[in-house]
Amino acid sequence: MTDLLALLPQPKHAFTKKAARESAPIPVAAKVIEPPAYGNRTSFLPRTPEDFGDGGAFPEIHIMQYPLEMGRKGGSTALTRTAPLQVDAEGNVKYDMILRQNMRKDVTVYSSYNDL
């Protein structure tokens, strides 16, 4: 170890503490509410988005759960605007319904080359 220290050059700058850094206020992190541990969730009912933390639903709790407000009726318009899944006579998914969303029924939408 002493041989290695002898080979290294001396530092260019010395470390000194500044009084301004010691008295600076420490930023406070946002309060994160964690759900109870896995075995302690018998009386836990997640109702608000904060109850889910940053994760998904709890499969062992048998109530309606809406993590990140996904699927809740009357929620934000961005989360409730989904196109319904529709199929044709053979059971193939009609992906052109995404293009026809929010359009009049008399407007013709050509979604594939075969439609032309």
PDB file of N, CA and C in Angstrom:
ATOM      1  N   MET A   1       0.834  -1.199   0.000  1.00  0.00           N
ATOM      2  CA  MET A   1       0.000   0.000   0.000  1.00  0.00           C
ATOM      3  C   MET A   1       0.871   1.253   0.000  1.00  0.00           C
ATOM      4  N   THR A   2       1.927   1.241   0.761  1.00  0.00           N
ATOM      5  CA  THR A   2       2.792   2.434   0.810  1.00  0.00           C
ATOM      6  C   THR A   2       3.487   2.650  -0.519  1.00  0.00           C
ATOM      7  N   ASP A   3       3.775   1.584  -1.247  1.00  0.00           N
ATOM      8  CA  ASP A   3       4.403   1.732  -2.555  1.00  0.00           C
ATOM      9  C   ASP A   3       3.460   2.414  -3.533  1.00  0.00           C
ATOM     10  N   LEU A   4       2.166   2.093  -3.453  1.00  0.00           N
ATOM     11  CA  LEU A   4       1.175   2.705  -4.333  1.00  0.00           C
ATOM     12  C   LEU A   4       1.029   4.188  -4.023  1.00  0.00           C
ATOM     13  N   LEU A   5       0.990   4.563  -2.752  1.00  0.00           N
ATOM     14  CA  LEU A   5       0.875   5.969  -2.378  1.00  0.00           C
ATOM     15  C   LEU A   5       2.100   6.768  -2.792  1.00  0.00           C
ATOM     16  N   ALA A   6       3.237   6.142  -2.810  1.00  0.00           N
ATOM     17  CA  ALA A   6       4.448   6.834  -3.232  1.00  0.00           C
ATOM     18  C   ALA A   6       4.431   7.104  -4.729  1.00  0.00           C
ATOM     19  N   LEU A   7       3.750   6.244  -5.496  1.00  0.00           N
ATOM     20  CA  LEU A   7       3.702   6.422  -6.944  1.00  0.00           C
ATOM     21  C   LEU A   7       2.693   7.477  -7.384  1.00  0.00           C
ATOM     22  N   LEU A   8       1.661   7.719  -6.582  1.00  0.00           N
ATOM     23  CA  LEU A   8       0.620   8.684  -6.953  1.00  0.00           C
ATOM     24  C   LEU A   8       1.100  10.111  -6.750  1.00  0.00           C
ATOM     25  N   PRO A   9       0.666  11.027  -7.638  1.00  0.00           N
ATOM     26  CA  PRO A   9       1.055  12.443  -7.460  1.00  0.00           C
ATOM     27  C   PRO A   9       0.277  13.073  -6.300  1.00  0.00           C
ATOM     28  N   GLN A  10       0.780  14.161  -5.797  1.00  0.00           N
ATOM     29  CA  GLN A  10       0.116  14.887  -4.728  1.00  0.00           C
ATOM     30  C   GLN A  10      -1.138  15.567  -5.290  1.00  0.00           C
ATOM     31  N   PRO A  11      -2.218  15.692  -4.497  1.00  0.00           N
ATOM     32  CA  PRO A  11      -3.434  16.359  -4.985  1.00  0.00           C
ATOM     33  C   PRO A  11      -3.184  17.834  -5.269  1.00  0.00           C
ATOM     34  N   LYS A  12      -3.881  18.358  -6.296  1.00  0.00           N
ATOM     35  CA  LYS A  12      -3.736  19.769  -6.664  1.00  0.00           C
ATOM     36  C   LYS A  12      -4.534  20.684  -5.750  1.00  0.00           C
ATOM     37  N   HIS A  13      -5.687  20.221  -5.285  1.00  0.00           N
ATOM     38  CA  HIS A  13      -6.566  21.051  -4.468  1.00  0.00           C
ATOM     39  C   HIS A  13      -6.814  20.354  -3.142  1.00  0.00           C
ATOM     40  N   ALA A  14      -6.833  21.161  -2.099  1.00  0.00           N
ATOM     41  CA  ALA A  14      -7.102  20.603  -0.776  1.00  0.00           C
ATOM     42  C   ALA A  14      -8.599  20.701  -0.494  1.00  0.00           C
ATOM     43  N   PHE A  15      -9.129  19.760   0.235  1.00  0.00           N
ATOM     44  CA  PHE A  15     -10.551  19.736   0.573  1.00  0.00           C
ATOM     45  C   PHE A  15     -10.784  20.586   1.809  1.00  0.00           C
ATOM     46  N   THR A  16     -11.699  21.552   1.693  1.00  0.00           N
ATOM     47  CA  THR A  16     -12.081  22.366   2.851  1.00  0.00           C
ATOM     48  C   THR A  16     -13.584  22.477   2.883  1.00  0.00           C
ATOM     49  N   LYS A  17     -14.154  22.449   4.095  1.00  0.00           N
ATOM     50  CA  LYS A  17     -15.596  22.626   4.241  1.00  0.00           C
ATOM     51  C   LYS A  17     -15.911  24.108   4.243  1.00  0.00           C
ATOM     52  N   LYS A  18     -17.005  24.460   3.605  1.00  0.00           N
ATOM     53  CA  LYS A  18     -17.454  25.845   3.584  1.00  0.00           C
ATOM     54  C   LYS A  18     -18.635  25.985   4.512  1.00  0.00           C
ATOM     55  N   ALA A  19     -18.711  27.079   5.215  1.00  0.00           N
ATOM     56  CA  ALA A  19     -19.799  27.309   6.165  1.00  0.00           C
ATOM     57  C   ALA A  19     -21.131  27.474   5.449  1.00  0.00           C
ATOM     58  N   ALA A  20     -21.111  27.983   4.222  1.00  0.00           N
ATOM     59  CA  ALA A  20     -22.359  28.198   3.487  1.00  0.00           C
ATOM     60  C   ALA A  20     -23.026  26.862   3.160  1.00  0.00           C
ATOM     61  N   ARG A  21     -22.252  25.856   2.856  1.00  0.00           N
ATOM     62  CA  ARG A  21     -22.832  24.561   2.536  1.00  0.00           C
ATOM     63  C   ARG A  21     -23.428  23.897   3.773  1.00  0.00           C
ATOM     64  N   GLU A  22     -22.828  24.112   4.932  1.00  0.00           N
ATOM     65  CA  GLU A  22     -23.327  23.479   6.140  1.00  0.00           C
ATOM     66  C   GLU A  22     -24.651  24.080   6.591  1.00  0.00           C
ATOM     67  N   SER A  23     -24.868  25.366   6.344  1.00  0.00           N
ATOM     68  CA  SER A  23     -26.089  26.024   6.806  1.00  0.00           C
ATOM     69  C   SER A  23     -27.193  26.062   5.752  1.00  0.00           C
ATOM     70  N   ALA A  24     -26.936  25.520   4.566  1.00  0.00           N
ATOM     71  CA  ALA A  24     -27.946  25.539   3.512  1.00  0.00           C
ATOM     72  C   ALA A  24     -29.105  24.626   3.900  1.00  0.00           C
ATOM     73  N   PRO A  25     -30.339  25.051   3.593  1.00  0.00           N
ATOM     74  CA  PRO A  25     -31.481  24.188   3.941  1.00  0.00           C
ATOM     75  C   PRO A  25     -31.485  22.912   3.100  1.00  0.00           C
ATOM     76  N   ILE A  26     -31.878  21.827   3.714  1.00  0.00           N
ATOM     77  CA  ILE A  26     -31.949  20.543   3.036  1.00  0.00           C
ATOM     78  C   ILE A  26     -33.332  20.407   2.420  1.00  0.00           C
ATOM     79  N   PRO A  27     -33.431  20.121   1.110  1.00  0.00           N
ATOM     80  CA  PRO A  27     -34.759  20.001   0.496  1.00  0.00           C
ATOM     81  C   PRO A  27     -35.508  18.794   1.070  1.00  0.00           C
ATOM     82  N   VAL A  28     -36.809  18.977   1.255  1.00  0.00           N
ATOM     83  CA  VAL A  28     -37.641  17.921   1.802  1.00  0.00           C
ATOM     84  C   VAL A  28     -38.276  17.160   0.652  1.00  0.00           C
ATOM     85  N   ALA A  29     -38.165  15.855   0.660  1.00  0.00           N
ATOM     86  CA  ALA A  29     -38.758  15.024  -0.385  1.00  0.00           C
ATOM     87  C   ALA A  29     -40.267  14.940  -0.182  1.00  0.00           C
ATOM     88  N   ALA A  30     -40.988  14.708  -1.265  1.00  0.00           N
ATOM     89  CA  ALA A  30     -42.434  14.562  -1.182  1.00  0.00           C
ATOM     90  C   ALA A  30     -42.767  13.325  -0.359  1.00  0.00           C
ATOM     91  N   LYS A  31     -43.810  13.405   0.426  1.00  0.00           N
ATOM     92  CA  LYS A  31     -44.204  12.296   1.277  1.00  0.00           C
ATOM     93  C   LYS A  31     -44.827  11.200   0.421  1.00  0.00           C
ATOM     94  N   VAL A  32     -44.254  10.017   0.507  1.00  0.00           N
ATOM     95  CA  VAL A  32     -44.737   8.872  -0.244  1.00  0.00           C
ATOM     96  C   VAL A  32     -45.423   7.929   0.733  1.00  0.00           C
ATOM     97  N   ILE A  33     -46.670   7.610   0.457  1.00  0.00           N
ATOM     98  CA  ILE A  33     -47.412   6.701   1.308  1.00  0.00           C
ATOM     99  C   ILE A  33     -47.241   5.294   0.742  1.00  0.00           C
ATOM    100  N   GLU A  34     -46.660   4.426   1.518  1.00  0.00           N
ATOM    101  CA  GLU A  34     -46.460   3.054   1.096  1.00  0.00           C
ATOM    102  C   GLU A  34     -47.624   2.190   1.573  1.00  0.00           C
ATOM    103  N   PRO A  35     -48.067   1.245   0.765  1.00  0.00           N
ATOM    104  CA  PRO A  35     -49.109   0.325   1.236  1.00  0.00           C
ATOM    105  C   PRO A  35     -48.540  -0.589   2.309  1.00  0.00           C
ATOM    106  N   PRO A  36     -49.382  -1.185   3.123  1.00  0.00           N
ATOM    107  CA  PRO A  36     -48.887  -2.094   4.153  1.00  0.00           C
ATOM    108  C   PRO A  36     -48.152  -3.293   3.543  1.00  0.00           C
ATOM    109  N   ALA A  37     -47.371  -3.946   4.365  1.00  0.00           N
ATOM    110  CA  ALA A  37     -46.624  -5.119   3.902  1.00  0.00           C
ATOM    111  C   ALA A  37     -47.593  -6.215   3.465  1.00  0.00           C
ATOM    112  N   TYR A  38     -47.098  -7.176   2.706  1.00  0.00           N
ATOM    113  CA  TYR A  38     -47.959  -8.163   2.068  1.00  0.00           C
ATOM    114  C   TYR A  38     -48.829  -8.927   3.058  1.00  0.00           C
ATOM    115  N   GLY A  39     -48.338  -9.330   4.185  1.00  0.00           N
ATOM    116  CA  GLY A  39     -49.140 -10.103   5.122  1.00  0.00           C
ATOM    117  C   GLY A  39     -50.052  -9.277   6.003  1.00  0.00           C
ATOM    118  N   ASN A  40     -49.941  -7.953   5.957  1.00  0.00           N
ATOM    119  CA  ASN A  40     -50.688  -7.063   6.854  1.00  0.00           C
ATOM    120  C   ASN A  40     -51.765  -6.265   6.138  1.00  0.00           C
ATOM    121  N   ARG A  41     -52.350  -6.782   5.082  1.00  0.00           N
ATOM    122  CA  ARG A  41     -53.321  -6.017   4.293  1.00  0.00           C
ATOM    123  C   ARG A  41     -54.757  -6.463   4.538  1.00  0.00           C
ATOM    124  N   THR A  42     -55.068  -7.053   5.669  1.00  0.00           N
ATOM    125  CA  THR A  42     -56.413  -7.576   5.896  1.00  0.00           C
ATOM    126  C   THR A  42     -57.447  -6.458   6.001  1.00  0.00           C
ATOM    127  N   SER A  43     -57.103  -5.326   6.610  1.00  0.00           N
ATOM    128  CA  SER A  43     -58.066  -4.230   6.756  1.00  0.00           C
ATOM    129  C   SER A  43     -57.750  -3.058   5.828  1.00  0.00           C
ATOM    130  N   PHE A  44     -56.835  -3.241   4.890  1.00  0.00           N
ATOM    131  CA  PHE A  44     -56.423  -2.177   3.974  1.00  0.00           C
ATOM    132  C   PHE A  44     -57.344  -2.154   2.763  1.00  0.00           C
ATOM    133  N   LEU A  45     -57.986  -1.016   2.492  1.00  0.00           N
ATOM    134  CA  LEU A  45     -58.842  -0.845   1.322  1.00  0.00           C
ATOM    135  C   LEU A  45     -58.311   0.320   0.492  1.00  0.00           C
ATOM    136  N   PRO A  46     -57.690   0.066  -0.647  1.00  0.00           N
ATOM    137  CA  PRO A  46     -57.162   1.156  -1.472  1.00  0.00           C
ATOM    138  C   PRO A  46     -58.285   1.895  -2.188  1.00  0.00           C
ATOM    139  N   ARG A  47     -58.425   3.163  -1.921  1.00  0.00           N
ATOM    140  CA  ARG A  47     -59.484   3.974  -2.534  1.00  0.00           C
ATOM    141  C   ARG A  47     -58.937   5.147  -3.354  1.00  0.00           C
ATOM    142  N   THR A  48     -57.839   5.742  -2.930  1.00  0.00           N
ATOM    143  CA  THR A  48     -57.281   6.915  -3.605  1.00  0.00           C
ATOM    144  C   THR A  48     -56.030   6.508  -4.377  1.00  0.00           C
ATOM    145  N   PRO A  49     -55.604   7.309  -5.355  1.00  0.00           N
ATOM    146  CA  PRO A  49     -54.381   6.975  -6.097  1.00  0.00           C
ATOM    147  C   PRO A  49     -53.143   6.900  -5.200  1.00  0.00           C
ATOM    148  N   GLU A  50     -53.142   7.635  -4.086  1.00  0.00           N
ATOM    149  CA  GLU A  50     -51.999   7.582  -3.182  1.00  0.00           C
ATOM    150  C   GLU A  50     -51.880   6.229  -2.488  1.00  0.00           C
ATOM    151  N   ASP A  51     -53.002   5.516  -2.345  1.00  0.00           N
ATOM    152  CA  ASP A  51     -52.971   4.208  -1.694  1.00  0.00           C
ATOM    153  C   ASP A  51     -52.205   3.176  -2.517  1.00  0.00           C
ATOM    154  N   PHE A  52     -52.119   3.378  -3.822  1.00  0.00           N
ATOM    155  CA  PHE A  52     -51.440   2.425  -4.684  1.00  0.00           C
ATOM    156  C   PHE A  52     -49.956   2.710  -4.804  1.00  0.00           C
ATOM    157  N   GLY A  53     -49.499   3.843  -4.258  1.00  0.00           N
ATOM    158  CA  GLY A  53     -48.097   4.202  -4.396  1.00  0.00           C
ATOM    159  C   GLY A  53     -47.790   4.450  -5.849  1.00  0.00           C
ATOM    160  N   ASP A  54     -46.730   3.847  -6.349  1.00  0.00           N
ATOM    161  CA  ASP A  54     -46.421   3.972  -7.778  1.00  0.00           C
ATOM    162  C   ASP A  54     -46.615   2.642  -8.494  1.00  0.00           C
ATOM    163  N   GLY A  55     -47.389   1.744  -7.886  1.00  0.00           N
ATOM    164  CA  GLY A  55     -47.580   0.424  -8.472  1.00  0.00           C
ATOM    165  C   GLY A  55     -49.001   0.188  -8.932  1.00  0.00           C
ATOM    166  N   GLY A  56     -49.335  -1.057  -9.123  1.00  0.00           N
ATOM    167  CA  GLY A  56     -50.636  -1.430  -9.637  1.00  0.00           C
ATOM    168  C   GLY A  56     -51.577  -1.879  -8.543  1.00  0.00           C
ATOM    169  N   ALA A  57     -52.588  -2.622  -8.924  1.00  0.00           N
ATOM    170  CA  ALA A  57     -53.623  -3.064  -7.999  1.00  0.00           C
ATOM    171  C   ALA A  57     -53.110  -4.221  -7.146  1.00  0.00           C
ATOM    172  N   PHE A  58     -53.879  -4.527  -6.106  1.00  0.00           N
ATOM    173  CA  PHE A  58     -53.545  -5.603  -5.190  1.00  0.00           C
ATOM    174  C   PHE A  58     -54.468  -6.784  -5.489  1.00  0.00           C
ATOM    175  N   PRO A  59     -53.971  -7.880  -6.054  1.00  0.00           N
ATOM    176  CA  PRO A  59     -54.854  -8.991  -6.438  1.00  0.00           C
ATOM    177  C   PRO A  59     -55.459  -9.722  -5.253  1.00  0.00           C
ATOM    178  N   GLU A  60     -54.858  -9.612  -4.078  1.00  0.00           N
ATOM    179  CA  GLU A  60     -55.401 -10.327  -2.925  1.00  0.00           C
ATOM    180  C   GLU A  60     -56.537  -9.570  -2.241  1.00  0.00           C
ATOM    181  N   ILE A  61     -56.783  -8.311  -2.645  1.00  0.00           N
ATOM    182  CA  ILE A  61     -57.879  -7.519  -2.086  1.00  0.00           C
ATOM    183  C   ILE A  61     -59.016  -7.536  -3.102  1.00  0.00           C
ATOM    184  N   HIS A  62     -60.146  -8.115  -2.727  1.00  0.00           N
ATOM    185  CA  HIS A  62     -61.235  -8.358  -3.673  1.00  0.00           C
ATOM    186  C   HIS A  62     -62.265  -7.240  -3.645  1.00  0.00           C
ATOM    187  N   ILE A  63     -61.876  -6.053  -4.121  1.00  0.00           N
ATOM    188  CA  ILE A  63     -62.774  -4.919  -4.321  1.00  0.00           C
ATOM    189  C   ILE A  63     -62.394  -4.278  -5.652  1.00  0.00           C
ATOM    190  N   MET A  64     -63.228  -3.371  -6.135  1.00  0.00           N
ATOM    191  CA  MET A  64     -62.896  -2.647  -7.358  1.00  0.00           C
ATOM    192  C   MET A  64     -61.729  -1.709  -7.063  1.00  0.00           C
ATOM    193  N   GLN A  65     -60.678  -1.793  -7.858  1.00  0.00           N
ATOM    194  CA  GLN A  65     -59.483  -0.986  -7.651  1.00  0.00           C
ATOM    195  C   GLN A  65     -59.158  -0.232  -8.928  1.00  0.00           C
ATOM    196  N   TYR A  66     -58.775   1.018  -8.790  1.00  0.00           N
ATOM    197  CA  TYR A  66     -58.457   1.862  -9.939  1.00  0.00           C
ATOM    198  C   TYR A  66     -57.079   2.496  -9.748  1.00  0.00           C
ATOM    199  N   PRO A  67     -55.989   1.747  -9.951  1.00  0.00           N
ATOM    200  CA  PRO A  67     -54.670   2.369  -9.834  1.00  0.00           C
ATOM    201  C   PRO A  67     -54.466   3.355 -10.972  1.00  0.00           C
ATOM    202  N   LEU A  68     -53.941   4.501 -10.656  1.00  0.00           N
ATOM    203  CA  LEU A  68     -53.719   5.585 -11.624  1.00  0.00           C
ATOM    204  C   LEU A  68     -55.010   6.010 -12.306  1.00  0.00           C
ATOM    205  N   GLU A  69     -56.150   5.797 -11.636  1.00  0.00           N
ATOM    206  CA  GLU A  69     -57.479   6.171 -12.131  1.00  0.00           C
ATOM    207  C   GLU A  69     -57.833   5.477 -13.439  1.00  0.00           C
ATOM    208  N   MET A  70     -57.184   4.347 -13.766  1.00  0.00           N
ATOM    209  CA  MET A  70     -57.470   3.636 -15.008  1.00  0.00           C
ATOM    210  C   MET A  70     -58.782   2.880 -14.879  1.00  0.00           C
ATOM    211  N   GLY A  71     -59.700   3.104 -15.815  1.00  0.00           N
ATOM    212  CA  GLY A  71     -60.953   2.390 -15.851  1.00  0.00           C
ATOM    213  C   GLY A  71     -62.075   3.000 -15.042  1.00  0.00           C
ATOM    214  N   ARG A  72     -61.818   4.044 -14.287  1.00  0.00           N
ATOM    215  CA  ARG A  72     -62.867   4.651 -13.462  1.00  0.00           C
ATOM    216  C   ARG A  72     -63.782   5.499 -14.328  1.00  0.00           C
ATOM    217  N   LYS A  73     -65.086   5.314 -14.204  1.00  0.00           N
ATOM    218  CA  LYS A  73     -66.055   6.116 -14.956  1.00  0.00           C
ATOM    219  C   LYS A  73     -66.082   7.526 -14.383  1.00  0.00           C
ATOM    220  N   GLY A  74     -66.198   8.513 -15.259  1.00  0.00           N
ATOM    221  CA  GLY A  74     -66.272   9.895 -14.836  1.00  0.00           C
ATOM    222  C   GLY A  74     -64.921  10.472 -14.447  1.00  0.00           C
ATOM    223  N   GLY A  75     -63.844   9.775 -14.784  1.00  0.00           N
ATOM    224  CA  GLY A  75     -62.507  10.263 -14.483  1.00  0.00           C
ATOM    225  C   GLY A  75     -62.082  11.311 -15.489  1.00  0.00           C
ATOM    226  N   SER A  76     -60.805  11.459 -15.651  1.00  0.00           N
ATOM    227  CA  SER A  76     -60.313  12.442 -16.602  1.00  0.00           C
ATOM    228  C   SER A  76     -60.632  11.986 -18.023  1.00  0.00           C
ATOM    229  N   THR A  77     -60.796  12.917 -18.933  1.00  0.00           N
ATOM    230  CA  THR A  77     -61.206  12.574 -20.297  1.00  0.00           C
ATOM    231  C   THR A  77     -60.130  11.806 -21.031  1.00  0.00           C
ATOM    232  N   ALA A  78     -58.860  12.044 -20.698  1.00  0.00           N
ATOM    233  CA  ALA A  78     -57.781  11.329 -21.382  1.00  0.00           C
ATOM    234  C   ALA A  78     -57.776   9.854 -21.032  1.00  0.00           C
ATOM    235  N   LEU A  79     -58.213   9.510 -19.831  1.00  0.00           N
ATOM    236  CA  LEU A  79     -58.179   8.118 -19.413  1.00  0.00           C
ATOM    237  C   LEU A  79     -59.426   7.351 -19.830  1.00  0.00           C
ATOM    238  N   THR A  80     -60.544   8.028 -20.065  1.00  0.00           N
ATOM    239  CA  THR A  80     -61.775   7.322 -20.380  1.00  0.00           C
ATOM    240  C   THR A  80     -62.072   7.285 -21.870  1.00  0.00           C
ATOM    241  N   ARG A  81     -61.276   7.902 -22.697  1.00  0.00           N
ATOM    242  CA  ARG A  81     -61.511   7.901 -24.131  1.00  0.00           C
ATOM    243  C   ARG A  81     -60.821   6.699 -24.754  1.00  0.00           C
ATOM    244  N   THR A  82     -61.519   5.598 -24.814  1.00  0.00           N
ATOM    245  CA  THR A  82     -60.975   4.400 -25.434  1.00  0.00           C
ATOM    246  C   THR A  82     -61.923   3.949 -26.528  1.00  0.00           C
ATOM    247  N   ALA A  83     -61.343   3.434 -27.585  1.00  0.00           N
ATOM    248  CA  ALA A  83     -62.156   2.925 -28.679  1.00  0.00           C
ATOM    249  C   ALA A  83     -62.606   1.515 -28.332  1.00  0.00           C
ATOM    250  N   PRO A  84     -63.883   1.200 -28.545  1.00  0.00           N
ATOM    251  CA  PRO A  84     -64.340  -0.160 -28.233  1.00  0.00           C
ATOM    252  C   PRO A  84     -63.776  -1.154 -29.242  1.00  0.00           C
ATOM    253  N   LEU A  85     -63.509  -2.348 -28.771  1.00  0.00           N
ATOM    254  CA  LEU A  85     -63.005  -3.400 -29.638  1.00  0.00           C
ATOM    255  C   LEU A  85     -64.159  -3.983 -30.435  1.00  0.00           C
ATOM    256  N   GLN A  86     -64.032  -3.965 -31.760  1.00  0.00           N
ATOM    257  CA  GLN A  86     -65.081  -4.512 -32.618  1.00  0.00           C
ATOM    258  C   GLN A  86     -64.441  -5.507 -33.574  1.00  0.00           C
ATOM    259  N   VAL A  87     -65.209  -6.532 -33.924  1.00  0.00           N
ATOM    260  CA  VAL A  87     -64.723  -7.558 -34.832  1.00  0.00           C
ATOM    261  C   VAL A  87     -65.666  -7.661 -36.027  1.00  0.00           C
ATOM    262  N   ASP A  88     -65.148  -8.210 -37.127  1.00  0.00           N
ATOM    263  CA  ASP A  88     -65.990  -8.400 -38.304  1.00  0.00           C
ATOM    264  C   ASP A  88     -66.641  -9.783 -38.245  1.00  0.00           C
ATOM    265  N   ALA A  89     -67.242 -10.211 -39.354  1.00  0.00           N
ATOM    266  CA  ALA A  89     -67.992 -11.473 -39.381  1.00  0.00           C
ATOM    267  C   ALA A  89     -67.099 -12.691 -39.153  1.00  0.00           C
ATOM    268  N   GLU A  90     -65.832 -12.632 -39.578  1.00  0.00           N
ATOM    269  CA  GLU A  90     -64.923 -13.760 -39.379  1.00  0.00           C
ATOM    270  C   GLU A  90     -64.246 -13.749 -38.021  1.00  0.00           C
ATOM    271  N   GLY A  91     -64.456 -12.717 -37.223  1.00  0.00           N
ATOM    272  CA  GLY A  91     -63.825 -12.628 -35.908  1.00  0.00           C
ATOM    273  C   GLY A  91     -62.522 -11.864 -35.895  1.00  0.00           C
ATOM    274  N   ASN A  92     -62.172 -11.227 -37.004  1.00  0.00           N
ATOM    275  CA  ASN A  92     -60.958 -10.418 -37.055  1.00  0.00           C
ATOM    276  C   ASN A  92     -61.224  -9.054 -36.427  1.00  0.00           C
ATOM    277  N   VAL A  93     -60.244  -8.534 -35.729  1.00  0.00           N
ATOM    278  CA  VAL A  93     -60.394  -7.234 -35.074  1.00  0.00           C
ATOM    279  C   VAL A  93     -60.413  -6.141 -36.132  1.00  0.00           C
ATOM    280  N   LYS A  94     -61.359  -5.211 -35.999  1.00  0.00           N
ATOM    281  CA  LYS A  94     -61.471  -4.078 -36.930  1.00  0.00           C
ATOM    282  C   LYS A  94     -60.671  -2.907 -36.376  1.00  0.00           C
ATOM    283  N   TYR A  95     -59.398  -2.815 -36.816  1.00  0.00           N
ATOM    284  CA  TYR A  95     -58.518  -1.759 -36.326  1.00  0.00           C
ATOM    285  C   TYR A  95     -58.871  -0.392 -36.898  1.00  0.00           C
ATOM    286  N   ASP A  96     -59.676  -0.350 -37.951  1.00  0.00           N
ATOM    287  CA  ASP A  96     -60.041   0.937 -38.527  1.00  0.00           C
ATOM    288  C   ASP A  96     -60.992   1.717 -37.637  1.00  0.00           C
ATOM    289  N   MET A  97     -61.525   1.109 -36.589  1.00  0.00           N
ATOM    290  CA  MET A  97     -62.402   1.840 -35.664  1.00  0.00           C
ATOM    291  C   MET A  97     -61.636   2.927 -34.929  1.00  0.00           C
ATOM    292  N   ILE A  98     -60.330   2.769 -34.814  1.00  0.00           N
ATOM    293  CA  ILE A  98     -59.513   3.826 -34.203  1.00  0.00           C
ATOM    294  C   ILE A  98     -59.531   5.060 -35.089  1.00  0.00           C
ATOM    295  N   LEU A  99     -59.496   4.859 -36.410  1.00  0.00           N
ATOM    296  CA  LEU A  99     -59.541   5.989 -37.335  1.00  0.00           C
ATOM    297  C   LEU A  99     -60.920   6.637 -37.373  1.00  0.00           C
ATOM    298  N   ARG A 100     -61.940   5.852 -37.208  1.00  0.00           N
ATOM    299  CA  ARG A 100     -63.316   6.365 -37.295  1.00  0.00           C
ATOM    300  C   ARG A 100     -63.809   6.995 -36.000  1.00  0.00           C
ATOM    301  N   GLN A 101     -63.034   6.937 -34.976  1.00  0.00           N
ATOM    302  CA  GLN A 101     -63.456   7.476 -33.686  1.00  0.00           C
ATOM    303  C   GLN A 101     -63.691   8.986 -33.798  1.00  0.00           C
ATOM    304  N   ASN A 102     -64.793   9.453 -33.244  1.00  0.00           N
ATOM    305  CA  ASN A 102     -65.181  10.870 -33.229  1.00  0.00           C
ATOM    306  C   ASN A 102     -65.428  11.428 -34.630  1.00  0.00           C
ATOM    307  N   MET A 103     -65.865  10.611 -35.568  1.00  0.00           N
ATOM    308  CA  MET A 103     -66.200  11.092 -36.911  1.00  0.00           C
ATOM    309  C   MET A 103     -67.677  10.817 -37.184  1.00  0.00           C
ATOM    310  N   ARG A 104     -68.223  11.531 -38.157  1.00  0.00           N
ATOM    311  CA  ARG A 104     -69.606  11.301 -38.554  1.00  0.00           C
ATOM    312  C   ARG A 104     -69.745   9.953 -39.223  1.00  0.00           C
ATOM    313  N   LYS A 105     -70.949   9.393 -39.193  1.00  0.00           N
ATOM    314  CA  LYS A 105     -71.167   8.068 -39.780  1.00  0.00           C
ATOM    315  C   LYS A 105     -71.154   8.098 -41.299  1.00  0.00           C
ATOM    316  N   ASP A 106     -71.441   9.257 -41.909  1.00  0.00           N
ATOM    317  CA  ASP A 106     -71.479   9.308 -43.361  1.00  0.00           C
ATOM    318  C   ASP A 106     -70.100   9.537 -43.985  1.00  0.00           C
ATOM    319  N   VAL A 107     -69.065   9.720 -43.179  1.00  0.00           N
ATOM    320  CA  VAL A 107     -67.713   9.908 -43.702  1.00  0.00           C
ATOM    321  C   VAL A 107     -67.109   8.542 -44.014  1.00  0.00           C
ATOM    322  N   THR A 108     -66.529   8.408 -45.207  1.00  0.00           N
ATOM    323  CA  THR A 108     -65.901   7.154 -45.611  1.00  0.00           C
ATOM    324  C   THR A 108     -64.433   7.198 -45.228  1.00  0.00           C
ATOM    325  N   VAL A 109     -64.002   6.188 -44.495  1.00  0.00           N
ATOM    326  CA  VAL A 109     -62.607   6.105 -44.074  1.00  0.00           C
ATOM    327  C   VAL A 109     -61.986   4.899 -44.760  1.00  0.00           C
ATOM    328  N   TYR A 110     -60.913   5.133 -45.517  1.00  0.00           N
ATOM    329  CA  TYR A 110     -60.195   4.056 -46.170  1.00  0.00           C
ATOM    330  C   TYR A 110     -58.970   3.736 -45.336  1.00  0.00           C
ATOM    331  N   SER A 111     -59.023   2.601 -44.641  1.00  0.00           N
ATOM    332  CA  SER A 111     -57.945   2.262 -43.721  1.00  0.00           C
ATOM    333  C   SER A 111     -56.953   1.271 -44.309  1.00  0.00           C
ATOM    334  N   SER A 112     -57.257   0.677 -45.432  1.00  0.00           N
ATOM    335  CA  SER A 112     -56.312  -0.238 -46.069  1.00  0.00           C
ATOM    336  C   SER A 112     -56.368  -0.049 -47.585  1.00  0.00           C
ATOM    337  N   TYR A 113     -55.405  -0.637 -48.263  1.00  0.00           N
ATOM    338  CA  TYR A 113     -55.371  -0.521 -49.719  1.00  0.00           C
ATOM    339  C   TYR A 113     -56.561  -1.225 -50.369  1.00  0.00           C
ATOM    340  N   ASN A 114     -57.049  -2.303 -49.748  1.00  0.00           N
ATOM    341  CA  ASN A 114     -58.167  -3.050 -50.307  1.00  0.00           C
ATOM    342  C   ASN A 114     -59.453  -2.235 -50.271  1.00  0.00           C
ATOM    343  N   ASP A 115     -59.583  -1.294 -49.348  1.00  0.00           N
ATOM    344  CA  ASP A 115     -60.776  -0.472 -49.256  1.00  0.00           C
ATOM    345  C   ASP A 115     -60.918   0.483 -50.446  1.00  0.00           C
ATOM    346  N   LEU A 116     -59.813   0.829 -51.073  1.00  0.00           N
ATOM    347  CA  LEU A 116     -59.864   1.756 -52.200  1.00  0.00           C
ATOM    348  C   LEU A 116     -60.497   1.076 -53.393  1.00  0.00           C
TER     349      LEU A 116
END
